[in-house]
Amino acid sequence: MVRIALGQINTTVGDLEGNVGKMAEWAERATAAGADLVCFPELAVTGYPPEDLVLRPEFVRDNVEALESLARRSGSGCAVLTGFVERSDAGLHNSAALIHGGEVVATYRKVKLPNYGVFDEQRYFVPGSEACPVRVASSALGLSVCEDAWRPGPPFDTYRGQGVSVIPNINASPYHRHKISERLRICRDRAAETGAWIVYVNGVGGQDELVFDGGSMVVSPQGELRWHAPMFEEDLLVVDIDVPEAREGFPGPRVPGGSDRPMLPSTGRDPWPEGPAEVYGALVLGLGDYVRKNGFREVVIGLSGGIDSALAAALASDALGSDAVRTVAMPSPYSSAESLLDAQEVADRLGVRLDEIRIDDVFKSYLSALEEVFAGTEENVAEENLQARVRGNLLMAMSNKFGSLVLATGNKSEMATGYSTLYGDMAGGFAPIKDVPKTLVYELAEWRNGRSSPPPIPERVMTKAPTAELRFDQKDSDSLPPYELLDAVLEQYVELDRSPEEMIEEGLDAELVRKVVGLVDRAEYKRRQAPPGVKITPKAFGRDRRLPITNGYRRARPPEGPEGPTSTRAES
């Protein structure tokens, strides 16, 4: 039998001392629980992903010194498996170190380096080529790192031949919707391939756009999910795996373990969240960690009375506490009385501060300044967008004065189609719902409303037609297709990379497809200037989807005119 602790911890990229301090503390807890081995996530020493920090020689040296510090601090306790950056004559490696007795007793170098989606590890690392079998207590283990488990082959084929019983796989696997089921599937595949127990340890926490959702798990050789950690929170999961002793002559170093211990009782755990609950948890974690890890004490949000800003305010309140959320209503001549009342109601229900700053006079002063230049022209989106830019300026002024982080409230449907204003509603340091399609915004709001009484988002906000209120009687539907149709096209084009022809052949309306695809293509320059936001879909703008701004490959174009390729729009 081997007792393994899964240390699902929240690290911070670059905080070598803090990360090592946390691991040393958790290793003490694992030792107190009688563990033979505690496993921490991939690159836990540096935090993941360290990106171009690893190109600095001093950073790599400091990370090795931090690993040595962890070895000294955990010397009298159980063995520790953790990730770090290793340098060899071949280059840099994404490696796992097995520590015991104050020293590194084994090192494994990640064999498969992902280079897709948010990953570009081949930019930084060279692959390893060897398996790393070790004996912990009396059991045969084989070390592995993240992507090694996602495809068959090395090192798992080697471990099968060596008779390994348990394969720890340390990960920094970022979240997107339904990712947890993918991980369970690959663990089952590797268990079937090797006949071994798979101990899958994941990190948890937010890092820029990425959220690491935890969900560490232990899967039996028969593919049964035997134990799992929660999602979106730190956890130390300690399990007993009853396996036969390693065969005589099993290769690799030996780490002693405990003996004559009663088996731990099997305790149930709450099931993982699903649907809107899962997404909401990711958004709260990603937003909260971005604010805290970057040293902000509070956020400020333009609260319009619309669904997007109301959801952003609810997320911020849940992530940071109501005392850390400031909101501002900035009505213009086109804002309805109901919108202002709705903004006040949202603020009251959340218990957050609301200031009101009317922009009528500021808007008029802008128009006055431009009067001569605009003479002889008709009003269009230029005048509409001035209002959004006034609001963006006011929010940034409050950020400068009070040290608040401005949260932009645009959703993925708007970001995709360019239905937003540069330096207006796109102004901000972070955009929590940037990767949330508009239809999902409503699902999340409805789910959140069901979690407390009174619900934070009033019914009128949920049911009224979306509008930017930058001109009289304006509705989003004046410029965009209904969101349920728009989001269906966006999912196909953005996330699945389907061509317009493929979508049309499968039954989507040709005019709808061409208009939406044209809007998406033309808006790339805007998205490059958008703030970062939490990734919750398989393909988010930014890290996942990187297209040239100057791009002559256009498969579909929107119609010319007021809502054509040069138009912009802002949501207040």
Protein backbone atom coordinates (compact mmCIF):
# COMPACT_ATOMS: atom_id res chain seq x y z
CA MET A 1 0.00 0.00 0.00
CA VAL A 2 1.11 3.56 -0.72
CA ARG A 3 -0.47 6.66 0.82
CA ILE A 4 -0.41 9.63 -1.53
CA ALA A 5 -1.50 13.21 -0.86
CA LEU A 6 -2.71 15.29 -3.81
CA GLY A 7 -1.68 18.89 -3.09
CA GLN A 8 -4.10 20.96 -5.17
CA ILE A 9 -2.62 24.40 -4.53
CA ASN A 10 -2.92 27.92 -5.92
CA THR A 11 0.49 29.22 -6.97
CA THR A 12 1.47 32.62 -8.35
CA VAL A 13 3.72 32.92 -11.39
CA GLY A 14 7.10 34.29 -10.37
CA ASP A 15 6.50 34.14 -6.60
CA LEU A 16 9.16 31.53 -6.03
CA GLU A 17 9.43 32.13 -2.29
CA GLY A 18 5.68 32.14 -1.77
CA ASN A 19 5.14 29.01 -3.84
CA VAL A 20 7.86 27.10 -2.02
CA GLY A 21 6.59 28.30 1.34
CA LYS A 22 3.12 26.99 0.56
CA MET A 23 4.45 23.63 -0.60
CA ALA A 24 6.60 23.27 2.53
CA GLU A 25 3.57 23.98 4.70
CA TRP A 26 1.36 21.54 2.80
CA ALA A 27 4.10 18.88 2.88
CA GLU A 28 4.02 19.13 6.68
CA ARG A 29 0.25 18.58 6.58
CA ALA A 30 0.70 15.58 4.30
CA THR A 31 3.37 14.13 6.63
CA ALA A 32 1.06 14.60 9.60
CA ALA A 33 -1.59 12.65 7.66
CA GLY A 34 0.85 9.76 7.26
CA ALA A 35 1.44 10.25 3.54
CA ASP A 36 4.39 8.57 1.86
CA LEU A 37 4.32 11.10 -0.97
CA VAL A 38 2.71 14.47 -1.62
CA CYS A 39 2.29 15.57 -5.24
CA PHE A 40 2.10 19.21 -6.29
CA PRO A 41 1.19 20.64 -9.72
CA GLU A 42 3.28 21.06 -12.84
CA LEU A 43 5.85 23.90 -12.54
CA ALA A 44 4.57 24.61 -9.03
CA VAL A 45 7.88 26.23 -8.10
CA THR A 46 7.57 28.90 -10.79
CA GLY A 47 3.81 28.98 -11.22
CA TYR A 48 2.25 28.18 -14.59
CA PRO A 49 2.71 29.38 -17.26
CA PRO A 50 5.95 31.26 -16.57
CA GLU A 51 6.20 32.22 -20.26
CA ASP A 52 9.21 34.38 -21.17
CA LEU A 53 10.41 34.52 -17.57
CA VAL A 54 12.17 31.23 -18.34
CA LEU A 55 14.25 32.99 -20.99
CA ARG A 56 15.98 34.91 -18.18
CA PRO A 57 18.92 32.87 -16.90
CA GLU A 58 18.64 34.40 -13.43
CA PHE A 59 15.02 33.27 -13.15
CA VAL A 60 15.95 29.69 -13.99
CA ARG A 61 18.79 29.80 -11.44
CA ASP A 62 16.48 31.23 -8.80
CA ASN A 63 13.88 28.54 -9.47
CA VAL A 64 16.50 25.81 -8.94
CA GLU A 65 17.58 27.48 -5.69
CA ALA A 66 13.92 27.60 -4.63
CA LEU A 67 13.59 23.87 -5.33
CA GLU A 68 16.68 23.21 -3.19
CA SER A 69 15.14 25.33 -0.43
CA LEU A 70 11.99 23.20 -0.58
CA ALA A 71 14.15 20.06 -0.31
CA ARG A 72 15.82 21.38 2.83
CA ARG A 73 12.57 22.52 4.41
CA SER A 74 10.79 19.23 3.79
CA GLY A 75 13.77 17.00 4.57
CA SER A 76 12.34 15.21 7.60
CA GLY A 77 8.90 14.62 6.15
CA CYS A 78 7.33 12.58 3.41
CA ALA A 79 8.58 12.55 -0.16
CA VAL A 80 7.56 15.52 -2.34
CA LEU A 81 6.90 15.51 -6.08
CA THR A 82 6.78 18.96 -7.68
CA GLY A 83 7.36 20.76 -10.97
CA PHE A 84 10.23 23.12 -11.79
CA VAL A 85 12.32 24.40 -14.71
CA GLU A 86 15.47 22.36 -15.22
CA ARG A 87 18.46 23.26 -17.37
CA SER A 88 20.56 20.63 -19.15
CA ASP A 89 23.08 20.71 -21.99
CA ALA A 90 20.12 20.24 -24.37
CA GLY A 91 18.23 23.29 -23.07
CA LEU A 92 15.39 23.93 -20.65
CA HIS A 93 13.03 21.21 -19.48
CA ASN A 94 9.59 21.22 -17.90
CA SER A 95 10.56 18.79 -15.17
CA ALA A 96 9.28 17.01 -12.08
CA ALA A 97 11.55 16.56 -9.07
CA LEU A 98 11.14 13.84 -6.46
CA ILE A 99 12.47 15.13 -3.15
CA HIS A 100 13.24 13.15 -0.01
CA GLY A 101 15.63 13.47 2.92
CA GLY A 102 16.62 17.01 2.00
CA GLU A 103 17.68 16.31 -1.57
CA VAL A 104 16.40 15.64 -5.08
CA VAL A 105 16.48 11.88 -5.55
CA ALA A 106 14.97 11.69 -9.05
CA THR A 107 14.10 14.01 -11.93
CA TYR A 108 11.67 13.41 -14.76
CA ARG A 109 11.62 15.57 -17.90
CA LYS A 110 8.29 16.07 -19.65
CA VAL A 111 8.28 14.11 -22.91
CA LYS A 112 5.28 15.60 -24.75
CA LEU A 113 5.31 19.38 -25.09
CA PRO A 114 1.93 20.88 -26.08
CA ASN A 115 2.00 23.54 -28.77
CA TYR A 116 -1.66 24.34 -29.46
CA GLY A 117 -4.40 26.53 -28.02
CA VAL A 118 -3.05 28.40 -25.01
CA PHE A 119 0.12 26.29 -24.92
CA ASP A 120 3.42 27.13 -26.61
CA GLU A 121 5.85 25.02 -24.59
CA GLN A 122 8.01 24.25 -27.61
CA ARG A 123 8.99 27.92 -27.54
CA TYR A 124 10.67 27.38 -24.19
CA PHE A 125 11.42 23.72 -23.52
CA VAL A 126 13.06 20.72 -25.10
CA PRO A 127 11.43 17.33 -24.53
CA GLY A 128 12.75 14.61 -22.30
CA SER A 129 13.15 11.10 -23.63
CA GLU A 130 13.23 8.77 -20.64
CA ALA A 131 10.72 7.36 -18.21
CA CYS A 132 11.35 7.74 -14.48
CA PRO A 133 10.34 4.71 -12.40
CA VAL A 134 10.70 5.05 -8.62
CA ARG A 135 9.83 2.95 -5.60
CA VAL A 136 7.87 4.77 -2.88
CA ALA A 137 7.24 2.73 0.24
CA SER A 138 6.93 -0.74 -1.29
CA SER A 139 5.09 0.37 -4.43
CA ALA A 140 6.24 0.86 -8.03
CA LEU A 141 5.53 4.36 -9.33
CA GLY A 142 6.19 6.08 -12.65
CA LEU A 143 6.42 9.87 -12.87
CA SER A 144 4.77 11.94 -15.61
CA VAL A 145 3.77 15.53 -16.36
CA CYS A 146 0.47 16.80 -17.80
CA GLU A 147 0.53 16.40 -21.63
CA ASP A 148 2.32 13.06 -21.28
CA ALA A 149 -1.05 11.59 -20.31
CA TRP A 150 -3.11 13.16 -23.08
CA ARG A 151 -1.85 10.83 -25.80
CA PRO A 152 -0.75 7.19 -25.75
CA GLY A 153 2.90 6.29 -25.95
CA PRO A 154 5.93 7.31 -23.88
CA PRO A 155 6.41 7.24 -20.99
CA PHE A 156 3.25 5.22 -20.31
CA ASP A 157 4.18 2.36 -22.65
CA THR A 158 7.49 2.03 -20.79
CA TYR A 159 5.75 1.98 -17.43
CA ARG A 160 3.45 -0.80 -18.60
CA GLY A 161 6.45 -2.92 -19.47
CA GLN A 162 8.10 -2.19 -16.13
CA GLY A 163 5.04 -3.22 -14.14
CA VAL A 164 4.40 0.19 -12.59
CA SER A 165 1.36 0.16 -10.30
CA VAL A 166 0.77 3.91 -9.77
CA ILE A 167 1.45 6.79 -12.14
CA PRO A 168 1.37 10.29 -10.62
CA ASN A 169 0.62 12.85 -13.34
CA ILE A 170 1.21 16.44 -12.20
CA ASN A 171 -0.67 19.09 -14.16
CA ALA A 172 -1.36 22.73 -14.80
CA SER A 173 -4.45 22.10 -16.92
CA PRO A 174 -6.45 25.28 -17.61
CA TYR A 175 -10.21 25.35 -17.53
CA HIS A 176 -12.78 25.55 -20.24
CA ARG A 177 -16.36 24.30 -20.20
CA HIS A 178 -16.63 20.52 -19.83
CA LYS A 179 -12.85 20.11 -19.50
CA ILE A 180 -13.23 17.95 -16.39
CA SER A 181 -14.93 15.19 -18.41
CA GLU A 182 -12.05 15.28 -20.92
CA ARG A 183 -9.53 14.79 -18.13
CA LEU A 184 -11.46 11.87 -16.69
CA ARG A 185 -11.55 10.27 -20.13
CA ILE A 186 -7.78 10.54 -20.65
CA CYS A 187 -7.11 9.17 -17.15
CA ARG A 188 -9.31 6.18 -17.97
CA ASP A 189 -7.51 5.71 -21.28
CA ARG A 190 -4.07 5.72 -19.63
CA ALA A 191 -5.27 3.41 -16.86
CA ALA A 192 -6.50 0.93 -19.48
CA GLU A 193 -3.25 1.28 -21.42
CA THR A 194 -0.99 0.62 -18.44
CA GLY A 195 -3.07 -1.33 -15.94
CA ALA A 196 -1.97 1.23 -13.34
CA TRP A 197 -3.66 3.68 -11.00
CA ILE A 198 -3.57 7.23 -12.37
CA VAL A 199 -3.05 9.96 -9.76
CA TYR A 200 -3.96 13.16 -11.59
CA VAL A 201 -2.97 16.30 -9.66
CA ASN A 202 -4.07 19.66 -11.02
CA GLY A 203 -3.40 23.22 -9.95
CA VAL A 204 -6.10 25.69 -9.00
CA GLY A 205 -6.33 29.48 -9.32
CA GLY A 206 -6.35 32.31 -11.82
CA GLN A 207 -3.39 33.45 -13.92
CA ASP A 208 -4.16 36.32 -16.30
CA GLU A 209 -6.79 34.93 -18.71
CA LEU A 210 -6.40 31.33 -17.53
CA VAL A 211 -8.21 29.60 -14.71
CA PHE A 212 -6.91 26.36 -13.27
CA ASP A 213 -9.93 24.62 -11.83
CA GLY A 214 -8.44 21.82 -9.73
CA GLY A 215 -10.58 18.71 -9.88
CA SER A 216 -7.63 16.43 -9.05
CA MET A 217 -8.59 12.76 -9.24
CA VAL A 218 -7.50 9.18 -8.73
CA VAL A 219 -8.63 6.62 -11.32
CA SER A 220 -8.32 2.86 -10.84
CA PRO A 221 -6.91 0.44 -13.44
CA GLN A 222 -10.52 -0.46 -14.23
CA GLY A 223 -11.31 3.17 -15.08
CA GLU A 224 -13.28 3.90 -11.92
CA LEU A 225 -13.12 7.43 -10.48
CA ARG A 226 -12.24 6.46 -6.90
CA TRP A 227 -11.45 9.84 -5.33
CA HIS A 228 -11.59 13.45 -6.45
CA ALA A 229 -10.84 16.92 -5.12
CA PRO A 230 -13.26 19.86 -5.52
CA MET A 231 -13.11 22.38 -8.33
CA PHE A 232 -12.11 26.03 -7.85
CA GLU A 233 -10.58 25.68 -4.38
CA GLU A 234 -7.38 24.44 -2.78
CA ASP A 235 -7.47 20.97 -1.30
CA LEU A 236 -5.25 18.27 0.20
CA LEU A 237 -6.69 14.91 -0.81
CA VAL A 238 -5.03 11.96 0.96
CA VAL A 239 -5.69 8.46 -0.39
CA ASP A 240 -4.52 4.92 0.25
CA ILE A 241 -3.85 2.90 -2.91
CA ASP A 242 -3.65 -0.82 -2.23
CA VAL A 243 -1.24 -2.26 -4.76
CA PRO A 244 1.20 -5.18 -4.63
CA GLU A 245 4.83 -4.63 -3.78
CA ALA A 246 7.20 -3.73 -6.59
CA ARG A 247 8.76 -6.75 -8.24
CA GLU A 248 12.29 -7.75 -7.42
CA GLY A 249 14.78 -5.68 -9.41
CA PHE A 250 12.36 -2.84 -10.11
CA PRO A 251 14.52 0.03 -11.44
CA GLY A 252 14.89 3.52 -10.07
CA PRO A 253 15.56 5.10 -6.66
CA ARG A 254 13.81 3.95 -3.49
CA VAL A 255 11.98 6.21 -1.06
CA PRO A 256 10.95 4.62 2.25
CA GLY A 257 7.39 4.96 3.49
CA GLY A 258 5.20 4.25 6.45
CA SER A 259 4.07 0.84 7.55
CA ASP A 260 1.48 -0.79 9.82
CA ARG A 261 -1.06 1.97 9.24
CA PRO A 262 -4.79 1.43 9.21
CA MET A 263 -6.35 2.16 5.85
CA LEU A 264 -7.98 5.56 5.55
CA PRO A 265 -11.77 5.46 5.54
CA SER A 266 -13.41 6.10 2.18
CA THR A 267 -15.31 9.36 2.43
CA GLY A 268 -17.68 10.75 -0.13
CA ARG A 269 -17.18 14.13 -1.76
CA ASP A 270 -19.63 16.51 -3.31
CA PRO A 271 -20.00 16.04 -7.07
CA TRP A 272 -18.30 18.52 -9.34
CA PRO A 273 -20.45 21.48 -10.43
CA GLU A 274 -21.95 21.42 -13.89
CA GLY A 275 -23.49 23.86 -16.36
CA PRO A 276 -23.80 27.49 -15.25
CA ALA A 277 -22.55 26.65 -11.74
CA GLU A 278 -19.25 25.41 -13.19
CA VAL A 279 -18.79 28.49 -15.41
CA TYR A 280 -19.74 30.90 -12.64
CA GLY A 281 -17.18 29.30 -10.32
CA ALA A 282 -14.46 29.73 -12.95
CA LEU A 283 -15.35 33.39 -13.49
CA VAL A 284 -15.34 34.17 -9.76
CA LEU A 285 -11.98 32.45 -9.24
CA GLY A 286 -10.36 34.05 -12.31
CA LEU A 287 -11.59 37.54 -11.48
CA GLY A 288 -10.73 37.33 -7.79
CA ASP A 289 -7.21 36.04 -8.36
CA TYR A 290 -6.48 38.60 -11.08
CA VAL A 291 -7.43 41.43 -8.75
CA ARG A 292 -5.67 40.07 -5.66
CA LYS A 293 -2.50 38.80 -7.32
CA ASN A 294 -1.98 42.14 -9.06
CA GLY A 295 -2.29 44.09 -5.82
CA PHE A 296 -5.64 45.82 -6.25
CA ARG A 297 -7.95 46.38 -3.30
CA GLU A 298 -11.12 47.17 -5.21
CA VAL A 299 -12.75 47.36 -8.62
CA VAL A 300 -14.96 49.95 -10.30
CA ILE A 301 -17.72 49.12 -12.79
CA GLY A 302 -19.91 51.28 -14.99
CA LEU A 303 -23.39 50.08 -13.99
CA SER A 304 -25.82 50.79 -16.81
CA GLY A 305 -28.94 48.94 -15.74
CA GLY A 306 -28.23 46.28 -18.40
CA ILE A 307 -27.66 42.57 -17.98
CA ASP A 308 -23.89 42.55 -18.71
CA SER A 309 -22.85 45.14 -16.13
CA ALA A 310 -25.25 43.62 -13.59
CA LEU A 311 -23.64 40.18 -14.01
CA ALA A 312 -20.16 41.71 -13.81
CA ALA A 313 -21.11 43.45 -10.56
CA ALA A 314 -22.49 40.21 -9.10
CA LEU A 315 -19.31 38.34 -10.05
CA ALA A 316 -17.12 41.04 -8.51
CA SER A 317 -19.15 41.08 -5.31
CA ASP A 318 -18.92 37.28 -4.98
CA ALA A 319 -15.21 37.25 -5.82
CA LEU A 320 -14.06 40.15 -3.68
CA GLY A 321 -16.83 41.07 -1.26
CA SER A 322 -19.23 43.96 -1.63
CA ASP A 323 -16.93 46.41 0.17
CA ALA A 324 -14.36 46.03 -2.63
CA VAL A 325 -16.79 46.95 -5.43
CA ARG A 326 -17.58 50.50 -6.56
CA THR A 327 -20.17 51.10 -9.26
CA VAL A 328 -20.95 54.22 -11.24
CA ALA A 329 -24.11 55.12 -13.15
CA MET A 330 -23.39 57.61 -15.93
CA PRO A 331 -26.70 58.52 -17.59
CA SER A 332 -26.80 60.51 -20.81
CA PRO A 333 -29.71 62.30 -22.52
CA TYR A 334 -30.63 58.95 -24.08
CA SER A 335 -30.66 56.92 -20.85
CA SER A 336 -34.10 55.88 -19.67
CA ALA A 337 -35.32 56.48 -16.15
CA GLU A 338 -35.82 52.72 -15.81
CA SER A 339 -32.16 52.05 -16.52
CA LEU A 340 -31.05 54.32 -13.69
CA LEU A 341 -33.57 52.72 -11.33
CA ASP A 342 -32.38 49.26 -12.36
CA ALA A 343 -28.74 50.17 -11.73
CA GLN A 344 -29.66 51.44 -8.27
CA GLU A 345 -31.62 48.27 -7.55
CA VAL A 346 -28.69 46.04 -8.56
CA ALA A 347 -26.32 48.03 -6.34
CA ASP A 348 -28.73 47.91 -3.40
CA ARG A 349 -29.27 44.16 -3.69
CA LEU A 350 -25.53 43.50 -3.89
CA GLY A 351 -24.72 45.98 -1.14
CA VAL A 352 -22.17 47.81 -3.28
CA ARG A 353 -21.52 51.53 -3.55
CA LEU A 354 -23.16 53.40 -6.44
CA ASP A 355 -22.21 56.90 -7.53
CA GLU A 356 -24.13 58.81 -10.18
CA ILE A 357 -22.30 61.09 -12.62
CA ARG A 358 -24.45 62.55 -15.36
CA ILE A 359 -22.57 63.00 -18.62
CA ASP A 360 -25.01 65.39 -20.35
CA ASP A 361 -22.83 68.48 -20.00
CA VAL A 362 -19.58 66.65 -20.78
CA PHE A 363 -21.18 65.15 -23.89
CA LYS A 364 -22.38 68.59 -24.98
CA SER A 365 -18.91 70.03 -24.51
CA TYR A 366 -17.44 67.34 -26.76
CA LEU A 367 -20.05 68.08 -29.41
CA SER A 368 -19.32 71.78 -29.09
CA ALA A 369 -15.60 71.23 -29.52
CA LEU A 370 -16.24 69.18 -32.67
CA GLU A 371 -18.98 71.39 -34.09
CA GLU A 372 -16.83 73.13 -36.68
CA VAL A 373 -15.05 69.94 -37.73
CA PHE A 374 -18.32 68.00 -38.02
CA ALA A 375 -20.16 70.81 -39.84
CA GLY A 376 -22.17 69.61 -42.83
CA THR A 377 -22.26 65.95 -41.72
CA GLU A 378 -25.13 63.88 -40.39
CA GLU A 379 -25.08 62.36 -36.92
CA ASN A 380 -23.91 58.75 -36.86
CA VAL A 381 -21.91 56.41 -34.68
CA ALA A 382 -19.31 59.15 -34.09
CA GLU A 383 -21.69 61.03 -31.82
CA GLU A 384 -22.96 57.80 -30.24
CA ASN A 385 -19.48 56.62 -29.37
CA LEU A 386 -18.54 59.93 -27.78
CA GLN A 387 -20.83 58.99 -24.91
CA ALA A 388 -19.07 55.68 -24.40
CA ARG A 389 -15.69 57.39 -24.45
CA VAL A 390 -16.80 59.99 -21.90
CA ARG A 391 -17.79 57.13 -19.62
CA GLY A 392 -14.50 55.34 -20.20
CA ASN A 393 -12.59 58.51 -19.28
CA LEU A 394 -14.56 58.94 -16.07
CA LEU A 395 -13.99 55.35 -15.02
CA MET A 396 -10.26 55.64 -15.68
CA ALA A 397 -10.15 58.87 -13.68
CA MET A 398 -11.69 57.05 -10.73
CA SER A 399 -9.14 54.28 -11.18
CA ASN A 400 -6.31 56.80 -11.01
CA LYS A 401 -7.78 58.59 -8.01
CA PHE A 402 -8.76 55.62 -5.87
CA GLY A 403 -6.54 52.82 -7.17
CA SER A 404 -9.54 50.82 -8.39
CA LEU A 405 -9.24 48.34 -11.23
CA VAL A 406 -11.76 49.16 -13.97
CA LEU A 407 -13.77 46.15 -15.09
CA ALA A 408 -14.99 46.25 -18.68
CA THR A 409 -18.37 44.57 -19.05
CA GLY A 410 -18.44 43.47 -22.70
CA ASN A 411 -19.37 39.88 -23.54
CA LYS A 412 -18.00 37.52 -26.20
CA SER A 413 -20.80 38.17 -28.68
CA GLU A 414 -19.96 41.88 -28.64
CA MET A 415 -16.22 41.32 -28.75
CA ALA A 416 -16.65 38.95 -31.68
CA THR A 417 -18.68 41.31 -33.84
CA GLY A 418 -16.98 44.58 -32.89
CA TYR A 419 -20.18 45.76 -31.21
CA SER A 420 -18.12 47.82 -28.80
CA THR A 421 -16.25 51.11 -28.68
CA LEU A 422 -12.50 51.47 -28.44
CA TYR A 423 -11.53 53.65 -25.47
CA GLY A 424 -15.18 53.53 -24.40
CA ASP A 425 -16.88 50.43 -23.03
CA MET A 426 -13.71 48.50 -23.90
CA ALA A 427 -11.70 50.64 -21.46
CA GLY A 428 -10.58 48.72 -18.41
CA GLY A 429 -7.94 46.53 -16.85
CA PHE A 430 -9.89 43.29 -16.90
CA ALA A 431 -13.02 42.00 -18.66
CA PRO A 432 -14.56 39.19 -16.59
CA ILE A 433 -17.22 38.13 -19.13
CA LYS A 434 -15.12 38.71 -22.26
CA ASP A 435 -15.36 35.01 -23.18
CA VAL A 436 -19.03 34.58 -22.21
CA PRO A 437 -21.51 34.58 -25.13
CA LYS A 438 -24.59 36.74 -24.61
CA THR A 439 -26.94 33.76 -24.36
CA LEU A 440 -24.75 32.31 -21.61
CA VAL A 441 -24.80 35.68 -19.82
CA TYR A 442 -28.53 35.19 -19.30
CA GLU A 443 -28.05 31.60 -18.13
CA LEU A 444 -25.44 32.69 -15.58
CA ALA A 445 -27.60 35.54 -14.35
CA GLU A 446 -30.57 33.22 -13.91
CA TRP A 447 -28.42 30.67 -12.04
CA ARG A 448 -26.98 33.36 -9.76
CA ASN A 449 -30.43 34.75 -9.05
CA GLY A 450 -31.43 31.34 -7.76
CA ARG A 451 -28.63 31.30 -5.19
CA SER A 452 -29.78 34.12 -2.90
CA SER A 453 -32.84 36.05 -1.85
CA PRO A 454 -33.49 38.64 -3.03
CA PRO A 455 -31.86 37.77 -6.36
CA PRO A 456 -29.14 40.30 -7.24
CA ILE A 457 -30.41 40.98 -10.77
CA PRO A 458 -33.97 42.37 -11.00
CA GLU A 459 -36.50 40.71 -13.28
CA ARG A 460 -36.75 43.78 -15.51
CA VAL A 461 -33.02 43.63 -16.22
CA MET A 462 -33.44 39.98 -17.20
CA THR A 463 -36.36 40.55 -19.55
CA LYS A 464 -35.89 43.93 -21.23
CA ALA A 465 -34.48 44.12 -24.75
CA PRO A 466 -30.70 44.71 -24.73
CA THR A 467 -29.81 48.27 -25.65
CA ALA A 468 -26.81 50.58 -25.54
CA GLU A 469 -29.04 53.68 -25.14
CA LEU A 470 -26.75 55.83 -27.27
CA ARG A 471 -29.70 57.15 -29.28
CA PHE A 472 -33.43 57.20 -28.74
CA ASP A 473 -35.25 53.85 -29.04
CA GLN A 474 -32.02 52.01 -29.81
CA LYS A 475 -31.92 48.21 -29.51
CA ASP A 476 -29.07 45.76 -30.08
CA SER A 477 -31.30 44.03 -32.60
CA ASP A 478 -31.11 47.14 -34.81
CA SER A 479 -27.54 46.15 -35.67
CA LEU A 480 -27.14 42.49 -34.75
CA PRO A 481 -29.12 39.31 -35.37
CA PRO A 482 -31.02 37.89 -32.40
CA TYR A 483 -28.43 36.65 -29.94
CA GLU A 484 -29.54 33.04 -30.07
CA LEU A 485 -28.85 33.04 -33.84
CA LEU A 486 -25.69 35.13 -33.55
CA ASP A 487 -24.16 32.91 -30.88
CA ALA A 488 -24.86 29.79 -32.91
CA VAL A 489 -22.86 31.19 -35.83
CA LEU A 490 -20.09 32.46 -33.55
CA GLU A 491 -19.65 29.05 -31.94
CA GLN A 492 -19.26 27.43 -35.35
CA TYR A 493 -16.93 30.07 -36.81
CA VAL A 494 -14.83 31.10 -33.81
CA GLU A 495 -14.63 27.96 -31.69
CA LEU A 496 -14.93 25.23 -34.35
CA ASP A 497 -13.25 27.06 -37.27
CA ARG A 498 -16.06 26.14 -39.66
CA SER A 499 -16.10 27.95 -43.00
CA PRO A 500 -19.11 30.01 -44.14
CA GLU A 501 -19.78 27.40 -46.84
CA GLU A 502 -19.85 24.57 -44.32
CA MET A 503 -22.25 26.44 -42.06
CA ILE A 504 -24.55 27.31 -44.94
CA GLU A 505 -24.51 23.72 -46.22
CA GLU A 506 -25.56 22.55 -42.76
CA GLY A 507 -28.63 24.76 -42.81
CA LEU A 508 -27.65 28.12 -41.33
CA ASP A 509 -29.05 31.13 -43.16
CA ALA A 510 -26.60 32.34 -45.80
CA GLU A 511 -27.19 36.06 -45.26
CA LEU A 512 -26.86 35.64 -41.50
CA VAL A 513 -23.62 33.69 -41.84
CA ARG A 514 -22.00 36.14 -44.24
CA LYS A 515 -22.91 39.14 -42.12
CA VAL A 516 -21.63 37.62 -38.87
CA VAL A 517 -18.42 36.26 -40.39
CA GLY A 518 -17.70 39.62 -41.97
CA LEU A 519 -18.20 41.42 -38.68
CA VAL A 520 -15.91 39.00 -36.85
CA ASP A 521 -13.15 39.33 -39.43
CA ARG A 522 -13.27 43.12 -39.46
CA ALA A 523 -13.14 43.45 -35.68
CA GLU A 524 -9.77 41.81 -35.11
CA TYR A 525 -8.07 45.19 -34.57
CA LYS A 526 -10.47 45.97 -31.75
CA ARG A 527 -9.97 42.68 -29.97
CA ARG A 528 -6.20 43.22 -29.95
CA GLN A 529 -6.81 46.33 -27.83
CA ALA A 530 -9.28 44.73 -25.44
CA PRO A 531 -8.38 44.00 -21.82
CA PRO A 532 -7.71 40.40 -20.78
CA GLY A 533 -10.60 38.33 -19.48
CA VAL A 534 -11.35 34.89 -18.06
CA LYS A 535 -11.20 32.03 -20.58
CA ILE A 536 -14.20 29.72 -20.23
CA THR A 537 -14.73 28.40 -23.80
CA PRO A 538 -12.50 25.98 -25.73
CA LYS A 539 -11.32 28.84 -27.97
CA ALA A 540 -11.11 32.31 -26.45
CA PHE A 541 -10.01 35.47 -28.24
CA GLY A 542 -6.38 36.23 -27.48
CA ARG A 543 -4.34 33.23 -26.36
CA ASP A 544 -6.39 30.70 -28.30
CA ARG A 545 -7.30 32.54 -31.49
CA ARG A 546 -4.51 34.58 -33.07
CA LEU A 547 -5.27 36.01 -36.50
CA PRO A 548 -3.51 38.82 -38.39
CA ILE A 549 -5.14 42.23 -38.28
CA THR A 550 -3.91 43.05 -41.78
CA ASN A 551 -5.53 40.16 -43.57
CA GLY A 552 -6.72 39.92 -47.17
CA TYR A 553 -8.28 36.49 -46.75
CA ARG A 554 -11.94 37.47 -46.36
CA ARG A 555 -14.52 34.77 -47.01
CA ALA A 556 -17.54 36.96 -46.25
CA ARG A 557 -18.19 40.66 -45.88
CA PRO A 558 -20.95 42.58 -44.12
CA PRO A 559 -23.01 45.04 -46.15
CA GLU A 560 -21.67 48.54 -46.48
CA GLY A 561 -23.52 51.39 -44.81
CA PRO A 562 -24.26 52.65 -41.29
CA GLU A 563 -23.96 49.14 -39.83
CA GLY A 564 -21.22 48.09 -42.22
CA PRO A 565 -17.55 47.34 -41.71
CA THR A 566 -16.51 50.69 -40.23
CA SER A 567 -19.28 51.05 -37.67
CA THR A 568 -18.65 50.74 -33.95
CA ARG A 569 -20.90 50.64 -30.96
CA ALA A 570 -20.51 50.82 -27.22
CA GLU A 571 -22.55 49.44 -24.37
CA SER A 572 -22.67 51.72 -21.36
